[in-house]
């Protein structure tokens, strides 16, 4: 996985955590839900990139 892809996934995770925290502070359930969705997207991105790395190692 490229460093750039990992950084993007980490940034999405941080963005999601911040949005979820904002939703908790303001009591906005939509912000909380969007924040959790961004965190889930980040986990999926990491999983996809881990699979790519695994396949690449097996092919090398």
PDB file of N, CA and C in Angstrom:
ATOM      1  N   UNK A   1       0.845  -1.173   0.000  1.00  0.00           N
ATOM      2  CA  UNK A   1       0.000   0.000   0.000  1.00  0.00           C
ATOM      3  C   UNK A   1       0.882   1.223   0.000  1.00  0.00           C
ATOM      4  N   UNK A   2       0.500   2.166  -0.773  1.00  0.00           N
ATOM      5  CA  UNK A   2       1.325   3.359  -0.837  1.00  0.00           C
ATOM      6  C   UNK A   2       1.152   4.194   0.431  1.00  0.00           C
ATOM      7  N   UNK A   3       2.167   4.919   0.719  1.00  0.00           N
ATOM      8  CA  UNK A   3       2.134   5.800   1.879  1.00  0.00           C
ATOM      9  C   UNK A   3       1.025   6.827   1.721  1.00  0.00           C
ATOM     10  N   UNK A   4       0.828   7.271   0.489  1.00  0.00           N
ATOM     11  CA  UNK A   4      -0.213   8.264   0.219  1.00  0.00           C
ATOM     12  C   UNK A   4      -1.604   7.708   0.540  1.00  0.00           C
ATOM     13  N   UNK A   5      -1.866   6.460   0.154  1.00  0.00           N
ATOM     14  CA  UNK A   5      -3.163   5.841   0.439  1.00  0.00           C
ATOM     15  C   UNK A   5      -3.377   5.662   1.933  1.00  0.00           C
ATOM     16  N   UNK A   6      -2.333   5.262   2.634  1.00  0.00           N
ATOM     17  CA  UNK A   6      -2.438   5.102   4.091  1.00  0.00           C
ATOM     18  C   UNK A   6      -2.713   6.451   4.749  1.00  0.00           C
ATOM     19  N   UNK A   7      -2.046   7.493   4.271  1.00  0.00           N
ATOM     20  CA  UNK A   7      -2.245   8.831   4.832  1.00  0.00           C
ATOM     21  C   UNK A   7      -3.676   9.308   4.591  1.00  0.00           C
ATOM     22  N   UNK A   8      -4.202   9.043   3.404  1.00  0.00           N
ATOM     23  CA  UNK A   8      -5.577   9.440   3.099  1.00  0.00           C
ATOM     24  C   UNK A   8      -6.566   8.712   4.010  1.00  0.00           C
ATOM     25  N   UNK A   9      -6.342   7.426   4.219  1.00  0.00           N
ATOM     26  CA  UNK A   9      -7.228   6.653   5.085  1.00  0.00           C
ATOM     27  C   UNK A   9      -7.142   7.149   6.524  1.00  0.00           C
ATOM     28  N   UNK A  10      -5.938   7.456   6.971  1.00  0.00           N
ATOM     29  CA  UNK A  10      -5.762   7.967   8.337  1.00  0.00           C
ATOM     30  C   UNK A  10      -6.430   9.336   8.487  1.00  0.00           C
ATOM     31  N   UNK A  11      -6.303  10.168   7.464  1.00  0.00           N
ATOM     32  CA  UNK A  11      -6.928  11.490   7.502  1.00  0.00           C
ATOM     33  C   UNK A  11      -8.451  11.358   7.557  1.00  0.00           C
ATOM     34  N   UNK A  12      -8.996  10.418   6.805  1.00  0.00           N
ATOM     35  CA  UNK A  12     -10.446  10.192   6.804  1.00  0.00           C
ATOM     36  C   UNK A  12     -10.893   9.740   8.196  1.00  0.00           C
ATOM     37  N   UNK A  13     -10.088   8.902   8.839  1.00  0.00           N
ATOM     38  CA  UNK A  13     -10.400   8.430  10.183  1.00  0.00           C
ATOM     39  C   UNK A  13     -10.402   9.592  11.181  1.00  0.00           C
ATOM     40  N   UNK A  14      -9.398  10.438  11.098  1.00  0.00           N
ATOM     41  CA  UNK A  14      -9.305  11.591  11.991  1.00  0.00           C
ATOM     42  C   UNK A  14     -10.475  12.539  11.751  1.00  0.00           C
ATOM     43  N   UNK A  15     -10.785  12.762  10.488  1.00  0.00           N
ATOM     44  CA  UNK A  15     -11.920  13.616  10.135  1.00  0.00           C
ATOM     45  C   UNK A  15     -13.217  13.057  10.729  1.00  0.00           C
ATOM     46  N   UNK A  16     -13.379  11.755  10.636  1.00  0.00           N
ATOM     47  CA  UNK A  16     -14.567  11.119  11.178  1.00  0.00           C
ATOM     48  C   UNK A  16     -14.651  11.227  12.686  1.00  0.00           C
ATOM     49  N   UNK A  17     -13.522  11.036  13.354  1.00  0.00           N
ATOM     50  CA  UNK A  17     -13.506  11.155  14.817  1.00  0.00           C
ATOM     51  C   UNK A  17     -13.853  12.581  15.247  1.00  0.00           C
ATOM     52  N   UNK A  18     -13.312  13.552  14.522  1.00  0.00           N
ATOM     53  CA  UNK A  18     -13.591  14.953  14.851  1.00  0.00           C
ATOM     54  C   UNK A  18     -15.071  15.272  14.636  1.00  0.00           C
ATOM     55  N   UNK A  19     -15.622  14.790  13.540  1.00  0.00           N
ATOM     56  CA  UNK A  19     -17.030  15.058  13.252  1.00  0.00           C
ATOM     57  C   UNK A  19     -17.935  14.371  14.271  1.00  0.00           C
ATOM     58  N   UNK A  20     -17.578  13.160  14.649  1.00  0.00           N
ATOM     59  CA  UNK A  20     -18.359  12.453  15.665  1.00  0.00           C
ATOM     60  C   UNK A  20     -18.298  13.207  17.000  1.00  0.00           C
ATOM     61  N   UNK A  21     -17.115  13.678  17.362  1.00  0.00           N
ATOM     62  CA  UNK A  21     -16.960  14.433  18.608  1.00  0.00           C
ATOM     63  C   UNK A  21     -17.785  15.714  18.567  1.00  0.00           C
ATOM     64  N   UNK A  22     -17.777  16.391  17.438  1.00  0.00           N
ATOM     65  CA  UNK A  22     -18.577  17.601  17.281  1.00  0.00           C
ATOM     66  C   UNK A  22     -20.059  17.277  17.457  1.00  0.00           C
ATOM     67  N   UNK A  23     -20.480  16.183  16.868  1.00  0.00           N
ATOM     68  CA  UNK A  23     -21.870  15.758  17.025  1.00  0.00           C
ATOM     69  C   UNK A  23     -22.215  15.461  18.471  1.00  0.00           C
ATOM     70  N   UNK A  24     -21.265  14.874  19.191  1.00  0.00           N
ATOM     71  CA  UNK A  24     -21.491  14.606  20.617  1.00  0.00           C
ATOM     72  C   UNK A  24     -21.623  15.908  21.411  1.00  0.00           C
ATOM     73  N   UNK A  25     -20.788  16.879  21.081  1.00  0.00           N
ATOM     74  CA  UNK A  25     -20.803  18.159  21.791  1.00  0.00           C
ATOM     75  C   UNK A  25     -22.083  18.931  21.490  1.00  0.00           C
ATOM     76  N   UNK A  26     -22.455  18.973  20.210  1.00  0.00           N
ATOM     77  CA  UNK A  26     -23.623  19.762  19.809  1.00  0.00           C
ATOM     78  C   UNK A  26     -24.923  18.985  19.950  1.00  0.00           C
ATOM     79  N   UNK A  27     -24.828  17.684  20.126  1.00  0.00           N
ATOM     80  CA  UNK A  27     -26.027  16.861  20.210  1.00  0.00           C
ATOM     81  C   UNK A  27     -26.668  16.597  18.860  1.00  0.00           C
ATOM     82  N   UNK A  28     -25.888  16.776  17.792  1.00  0.00           N
ATOM     83  CA  UNK A  28     -26.401  16.573  16.430  1.00  0.00           C
ATOM     84  C   UNK A  28     -26.190  15.118  16.016  1.00  0.00           C
ATOM     85  N   UNK A  29     -27.265  14.339  15.950  1.00  0.00           N
ATOM     86  CA  UNK A  29     -27.112  12.923  15.596  1.00  0.00           C
ATOM     87  C   UNK A  29     -26.625  12.712  14.167  1.00  0.00           C
ATOM     88  N   UNK A  30     -26.903  13.667  13.283  1.00  0.00           N
ATOM     89  CA  UNK A  30     -26.446  13.542  11.890  1.00  0.00           C
ATOM     90  C   UNK A  30     -24.921  13.639  11.820  1.00  0.00           C
ATOM     91  N   UNK A  31     -24.338  14.587  12.535  1.00  0.00           N
ATOM     92  CA  UNK A  31     -22.874  14.705  12.570  1.00  0.00           C
ATOM     93  C   UNK A  31     -22.244  13.455  13.172  1.00  0.00           C
ATOM     94  N   UNK A  32     -22.846  12.940  14.239  1.00  0.00           N
ATOM     95  CA  UNK A  32     -22.315  11.727  14.861  1.00  0.00           C
ATOM     96  C   UNK A  32     -22.345  10.566  13.877  1.00  0.00           C
ATOM     97  N   UNK A  33     -23.443  10.421  13.166  1.00  0.00           N
ATOM     98  CA  UNK A  33     -23.573   9.317  12.209  1.00  0.00           C
ATOM     99  C   UNK A  33     -22.600   9.473  11.047  1.00  0.00           C
ATOM    100  N   UNK A  34     -22.467  10.691  10.534  1.00  0.00           N
ATOM    101  CA  UNK A  34     -21.524  10.916   9.432  1.00  0.00           C
ATOM    102  C   UNK A  34     -20.088  10.655   9.883  1.00  0.00           C
ATOM    103  N   UNK A  35     -19.774  11.050  11.098  1.00  0.00           N
ATOM    104  CA  UNK A  35     -18.430  10.804  11.632  1.00  0.00           C
ATOM    105  C   UNK A  35     -18.137   9.323  11.742  1.00  0.00           C
ATOM    106  N   UNK A  36     -19.108   8.566  12.226  1.00  0.00           N
ATOM    107  CA  UNK A  36     -18.921   7.115  12.334  1.00  0.00           C
ATOM    108  C   UNK A  36     -18.800   6.483  10.951  1.00  0.00           C
ATOM    109  N   UNK A  37     -19.554   6.996   9.985  1.00  0.00           N
ATOM    110  CA  UNK A  37     -19.482   6.469   8.620  1.00  0.00           C
ATOM    111  C   UNK A  37     -18.102   6.721   8.019  1.00  0.00           C
ATOM    112  N   UNK A  38     -17.538   7.887   8.267  1.00  0.00           N
ATOM    113  CA  UNK A  38     -16.196   8.190   7.751  1.00  0.00           C
ATOM    114  C   UNK A  38     -15.154   7.275   8.383  1.00  0.00           C
ATOM    115  N   UNK A  39     -15.329   6.978   9.665  1.00  0.00           N
ATOM    116  CA  UNK A  39     -14.397   6.071  10.324  1.00  0.00           C
ATOM    117  C   UNK A  39     -14.506   4.666   9.738  1.00  0.00           C
ATOM    118  N   UNK A  40     -15.724   4.238   9.459  1.00  0.00           N
ATOM    119  CA  UNK A  40     -15.929   2.922   8.851  1.00  0.00           C
ATOM    120  C   UNK A  40     -15.314   2.881   7.455  1.00  0.00           C
ATOM    121  N   UNK A  41     -15.471   3.965   6.704  1.00  0.00           N
ATOM    122  CA  UNK A  41     -14.873   4.037   5.366  1.00  0.00           C
ATOM    123  C   UNK A  41     -13.357   3.917   5.460  1.00  0.00           C
ATOM    124  N   UNK A  42     -12.790   4.552   6.452  1.00  0.00           N
ATOM    125  CA  UNK A  42     -11.341   4.472   6.651  1.00  0.00           C
ATOM    126  C   UNK A  42     -10.904   3.045   6.934  1.00  0.00           C
ATOM    127  N   UNK A  43     -11.662   2.337   7.756  1.00  0.00           N
ATOM    128  CA  UNK A  43     -11.327   0.941   8.063  1.00  0.00           C
ATOM    129  C   UNK A  43     -11.393   0.076   6.809  1.00  0.00           C
ATOM    130  N   UNK A  44     -12.390   0.329   5.978  1.00  0.00           N
ATOM    131  CA  UNK A  44     -12.523  -0.427   4.731  1.00  0.00           C
ATOM    132  C   UNK A  44     -11.334  -0.139   3.821  1.00  0.00           C
ATOM    133  N   UNK A  45     -10.972   1.127   3.712  1.00  0.00           N
ATOM    134  CA  UNK A  45      -9.812   1.498   2.874  1.00  0.00           C
ATOM    135  C   UNK A  45      -8.548   0.792   3.352  1.00  0.00           C
ATOM    136  N   UNK A  46      -8.346   0.782   4.676  1.00  0.00           N
ATOM    137  CA  UNK A  46      -7.172   0.096   5.219  1.00  0.00           C
ATOM    138  C   UNK A  46      -7.228  -1.398   4.884  1.00  0.00           C
ATOM    139  N   UNK A  47      -8.395  -1.992   5.016  1.00  0.00           N
ATOM    140  CA  UNK A  47      -8.548  -3.415   4.703  1.00  0.00           C
ATOM    141  C   UNK A  47      -8.243  -3.721   3.249  1.00  0.00           C
ATOM    142  N   UNK A  48      -8.744  -2.886   2.352  1.00  0.00           N
ATOM    143  CA  UNK A  48      -8.485  -3.076   0.919  1.00  0.00           C
ATOM    144  C   UNK A  48      -6.996  -2.971   0.636  1.00  0.00           C
ATOM    145  N   UNK A  49      -6.361  -1.977   1.216  1.00  0.00           N
ATOM    146  CA  UNK A  49      -4.930  -1.796   0.977  1.00  0.00           C
ATOM    147  C   UNK A  49      -4.115  -2.930   1.591  1.00  0.00           C
ATOM    148  N   UNK A  50      -4.562  -3.470   2.716  1.00  0.00           N
ATOM    149  CA  UNK A  50      -3.874  -4.623   3.312  1.00  0.00           C
ATOM    150  C   UNK A  50      -3.959  -5.837   2.383  1.00  0.00           C
ATOM    151  N   UNK A  51      -5.119  -6.023   1.769  1.00  0.00           N
ATOM    152  CA  UNK A  51      -5.283  -7.125   0.810  1.00  0.00           C
ATOM    153  C   UNK A  51      -4.363  -6.906  -0.394  1.00  0.00           C
ATOM    154  N   UNK A  52      -4.305  -5.694  -0.885  1.00  0.00           N
ATOM    155  CA  UNK A  52      -3.421  -5.392  -2.020  1.00  0.00           C
ATOM    156  C   UNK A  52      -1.974  -5.714  -1.662  1.00  0.00           C
ATOM    157  N   UNK A  53      -1.552  -5.300  -0.454  1.00  0.00           N
ATOM    158  CA  UNK A  53      -0.191  -5.585  -0.017  1.00  0.00           C
ATOM    159  C   UNK A  53       0.070  -7.078   0.049  1.00  0.00           C
ATOM    160  N   UNK A  54      -0.894  -7.823   0.578  1.00  0.00           N
ATOM    161  CA  UNK A  54      -0.742  -9.256   0.719  1.00  0.00           C
ATOM    162  C   UNK A  54      -0.596  -9.920  -0.650  1.00  0.00           C
ATOM    163  N   UNK A  55      -1.445  -9.528  -1.586  1.00  0.00           N
ATOM    164  CA  UNK A  55      -1.378 -10.093  -2.935  1.00  0.00           C
ATOM    165  C   UNK A  55      -0.055  -9.749  -3.592  1.00  0.00           C
ATOM    166  N   UNK A  56       0.381  -8.512  -3.425  1.00  0.00           N
ATOM    167  CA  UNK A  56       1.642  -8.087  -4.025  1.00  0.00           C
ATOM    168  C   UNK A  56       2.811  -8.908  -3.471  1.00  0.00           C
ATOM    169  N   UNK A  57       2.811  -9.140  -2.150  1.00  0.00           N
ATOM    170  CA  UNK A  57       3.884  -9.930  -1.554  1.00  0.00           C
ATOM    171  C   UNK A  57       3.893 -11.355  -2.100  1.00  0.00           C
ATOM    172  N   UNK A  58       2.715 -11.919  -2.289  1.00  0.00           N
ATOM    173  CA  UNK A  58       2.642 -13.290  -2.810  1.00  0.00           C
ATOM    174  C   UNK A  58       3.094 -13.367  -4.260  1.00  0.00           C
ATOM    175  N   UNK A  59       2.863 -12.323  -5.018  1.00  0.00           N
ATOM    176  CA  UNK A  59       3.279 -12.312  -6.415  1.00  0.00           C
ATOM    177  C   UNK A  59       4.762 -12.050  -6.586  1.00  0.00           C
ATOM    178  N   UNK A  60       5.366 -11.392  -5.593  1.00  0.00           N
ATOM    179  CA  UNK A  60       6.808 -11.086  -5.686  1.00  0.00           C
ATOM    180  C   UNK A  60       7.625 -12.241  -5.272  1.00  0.00           C
TER     181      UNK A  60
END
